[in-house]
C-alpha atoms as a PDB file:
ATOM      1  CA  UNK A   1      -7.292  24.271 -17.193  1.00  0.00           C
ATOM      2  CA  UNK A   2      -8.007  21.382 -19.537  1.00  0.00           C
ATOM      3  CA  UNK A   3      -6.664  22.007 -23.250  1.00  0.00           C
ATOM      4  CA  UNK A   4      -7.564  18.896 -24.387  1.00  0.00           C
ATOM      5  CA  UNK A   5      -9.816  20.751 -26.968  1.00  0.00           C
ATOM      6  CA  UNK A   6      -7.105  23.065 -27.970  1.00  0.00           C
ATOM      7  CA  UNK A   7      -4.883  19.985 -28.592  1.00  0.00           C
ATOM      8  CA  UNK A   8      -7.472  18.267 -30.756  1.00  0.00           C
ATOM      9  CA  UNK A   9      -7.594  21.334 -33.027  1.00  0.00           C
ATOM     10  CA  UNK A  10      -3.742  20.657 -34.060  1.00  0.00           C
ATOM     11  CA  UNK A  11      -3.859  16.835 -33.727  1.00  0.00           C
ATOM     12  CA  UNK A  12      -7.072  16.443 -35.703  1.00  0.00           C
ATOM     13  CA  UNK A  13      -7.505  19.358 -38.336  1.00  0.00           C
ATOM     14  CA  UNK A  14     -10.755  19.481 -39.937  1.00  0.00           C
ATOM     15  CA  UNK A  15     -10.557  22.103 -42.553  1.00  0.00           C
ATOM     16  CA  UNK A  16      -9.056  21.418 -45.720  1.00  0.00           C
ATOM     17  CA  UNK A  17      -6.150  23.949 -45.510  1.00  0.00           C
ATOM     18  CA  UNK A  18      -5.323  23.293 -42.022  1.00  0.00           C
ATOM     19  CA  UNK A  19      -5.202  19.537 -42.810  1.00  0.00           C
ATOM     20  CA  UNK A  20      -2.890  20.090 -45.687  1.00  0.00           C
ATOM     21  CA  UNK A  21      -0.700  22.543 -43.558  1.00  0.00           C
ATOM     22  CA  UNK A  22      -0.388  19.979 -40.709  1.00  0.00           C
ATOM     23  CA  UNK A  23       0.276  17.243 -43.108  1.00  0.00           C
ATOM     24  CA  UNK A  24       3.074  19.199 -44.755  1.00  0.00           C
ATOM     25  CA  UNK A  25       4.563  20.249 -41.636  1.00  0.00           C
ATOM     26  CA  UNK A  26       4.616  16.727 -40.204  1.00  0.00           C
ATOM     27  CA  UNK A  27       6.473  15.622 -43.218  1.00  0.00           C
ATOM     28  CA  UNK A  28       8.954  18.499 -43.790  1.00  0.00           C
ATOM     29  CA  UNK A  29       9.462  19.693 -40.178  1.00  0.00           C
ATOM     30  CA  UNK A  30       8.829  16.323 -37.985  1.00  0.00           C
ATOM     31  CA  UNK A  31      10.153  14.038 -40.790  1.00  0.00           C
ATOM     32  CA  UNK A  32       7.515  11.464 -40.298  1.00  0.00           C
ATOM     33  CA  UNK A  33       6.838   8.967 -43.013  1.00  0.00           C
ATOM     34  CA  UNK A  34       3.977   9.757 -45.640  1.00  0.00           C
ATOM     35  CA  UNK A  35       2.056   6.382 -44.848  1.00  0.00           C
ATOM     36  CA  UNK A  36       1.850   7.530 -41.184  1.00  0.00           C
ATOM     37  CA  UNK A  37       0.985  11.109 -41.835  1.00  0.00           C
ATOM     38  CA  UNK A  38      -1.641  10.145 -44.450  1.00  0.00           C
ATOM     39  CA  UNK A  39      -3.369   7.835 -42.139  1.00  0.00           C
ATOM     40  CA  UNK A  40      -3.559  10.244 -39.396  1.00  0.00           C
ATOM     41  CA  UNK A  41      -5.021  13.284 -41.436  1.00  0.00           C
ATOM     42  CA  UNK A  42      -7.208  11.120 -43.662  1.00  0.00           C
ATOM     43  CA  UNK A  43      -5.227  11.452 -47.240  1.00  0.00           C
ATOM     44  CA  UNK A  44      -4.419   8.568 -49.631  1.00  0.00           C
ATOM     45  CA  UNK A  45      -0.712   8.209 -49.538  1.00  0.00           C
ATOM     46  CA  UNK A  46      -0.342   9.033 -53.111  1.00  0.00           C
ATOM     47  CA  UNK A  47      -2.359  12.017 -52.579  1.00  0.00           C
ATOM     48  CA  UNK A  48      -0.061  13.242 -50.039  1.00  0.00           C
ATOM     49  CA  UNK A  49       3.141  12.384 -52.086  1.00  0.00           C
ATOM     50  CA  UNK A  50       1.651  14.691 -54.941  1.00  0.00           C
ATOM     51  CA  UNK A  51       0.949  17.411 -52.435  1.00  0.00           C
ATOM     52  CA  UNK A  52       4.621  17.289 -51.350  1.00  0.00           C
ATOM     53  CA  UNK A  53       5.838  17.452 -55.108  1.00  0.00           C
ATOM     54  CA  UNK A  54       3.489  20.410 -55.474  1.00  0.00           C
ATOM     55  CA  UNK A  55       4.335  22.255 -52.298  1.00  0.00           C
ATOM     56  CA  UNK A  56       8.111  21.882 -53.282  1.00  0.00           C
ATOM     57  CA  UNK A  57       7.251  23.305 -56.993  1.00  0.00           C
ATOM     58  CA  UNK A  58       5.568  26.123 -55.128  1.00  0.00           C
ATOM     59  CA  UNK A  59       8.594  26.914 -52.884  1.00  0.00           C
ATOM     60  CA  UNK A  60      10.790  26.883 -55.999  1.00  0.00           C
ATOM     61  CA  UNK A  61       8.313  29.440 -57.452  1.00  0.00           C
ATOM     62  CA  UNK A  62       8.025  31.298 -54.268  1.00  0.00           C
ATOM     63  CA  UNK A  63       4.312  30.859 -54.631  1.00  0.00           C
ATOM     64  CA  UNK A  64       2.629  29.996 -51.268  1.00  0.00           C
ATOM     65  CA  UNK A  65      -0.623  31.224 -51.811  1.00  0.00           C
ATOM     66  CA  UNK A  66      -2.653  28.169 -50.120  1.00  0.00           C
ATOM     67  CA  UNK A  67      -1.122  29.632 -46.907  1.00  0.00           C
ATOM     68  CA  UNK A  68      -1.855  33.168 -47.901  1.00  0.00           C
ATOM     69  CA  UNK A  69       1.668  34.775 -47.571  1.00  0.00           C
ATOM     70  CA  UNK A  70       4.769  34.945 -49.551  1.00  0.00           C
ATOM     71  CA  UNK A  71       8.111  35.623 -48.544  1.00  0.00           C
ATOM     72  CA  UNK A  72      11.302  36.648 -50.010  1.00  0.00           C
ATOM     73  CA  UNK A  73      14.028  34.214 -50.440  1.00  0.00           C
ATOM     74  CA  UNK A  74      16.039  35.819 -47.714  1.00  0.00           C
ATOM     75  CA  UNK A  75      12.903  34.713 -45.228  1.00  0.00           C
ATOM     76  CA  UNK A  76      12.872  38.456 -43.769  1.00  0.00           C
ATOM     77  CA  UNK A  77       9.972  39.901 -45.717  1.00  0.00           C
ATOM     78  CA  UNK A  78       6.414  38.518 -45.476  1.00  0.00           C
ATOM     79  CA  UNK A  79       3.286  40.101 -47.202  1.00  0.00           C
ATOM     80  CA  UNK A  80      -0.242  38.907 -47.474  1.00  0.00           C
ATOM     81  CA  UNK A  81      -0.916  37.515 -50.924  1.00  0.00           C
ATOM     82  CA  UNK A  82      -4.355  38.349 -52.263  1.00  0.00           C
ATOM     83  CA  UNK A  83      -6.303  35.536 -53.653  1.00  0.00           C
ATOM     84  CA  UNK A  84      -6.380  34.541 -57.461  1.00  0.00           C
ATOM     85  CA  UNK A  85     -10.040  35.804 -57.661  1.00  0.00           C
ATOM     86  CA  UNK A  86      -9.602  39.256 -56.202  1.00  0.00           C
ATOM     87  CA  UNK A  87      -6.635  39.708 -58.246  1.00  0.00           C
ATOM     88  CA  UNK A  88      -8.716  39.346 -61.307  1.00  0.00           C
ATOM     89  CA  UNK A  89     -10.264  42.799 -62.805  1.00  0.00           C
ATOM     90  CA  UNK A  90     -13.797  42.875 -62.636  1.00  0.00           C
ATOM     91  CA  UNK A  91     -15.704  43.556 -65.715  1.00  0.00           C
ATOM     92  CA  UNK A  92     -18.499  46.122 -65.670  1.00  0.00           C
ATOM     93  CA  UNK A  93     -21.722  44.784 -66.419  1.00  0.00           C
ATOM     94  CA  UNK A  94     -23.139  46.073 -69.993  1.00  0.00           C
ATOM     95  CA  UNK A  95     -26.468  46.929 -68.238  1.00  0.00           C
ATOM     96  CA  UNK A  96     -24.785  49.085 -65.652  1.00  0.00           C
ATOM     97  CA  UNK A  97     -25.635  46.728 -62.893  1.00  0.00           C
ATOM     98  CA  UNK A  98     -23.382  45.526 -60.300  1.00  0.00           C
END
């Protein structure tokens, strides 16, 4: 079976969140240089540097919403985190319509 299409999904991500995930993973897990990663996933190196900085800050605050989960410091408990929009209370319309 030819898995080239499956390989391309990981090597050439097209969705924004996926590209961000793969870029951060390449930096933190694979230890690749920012310039190389930026070129591969189509970011400016300065944008990727900012992304790394923000991700580190999010990790310190245990705020991983872009990746849709949160984990405790011991790494054992993982739960889904609702998006910011779904956590807001919806105001009822003064006309009674939805």
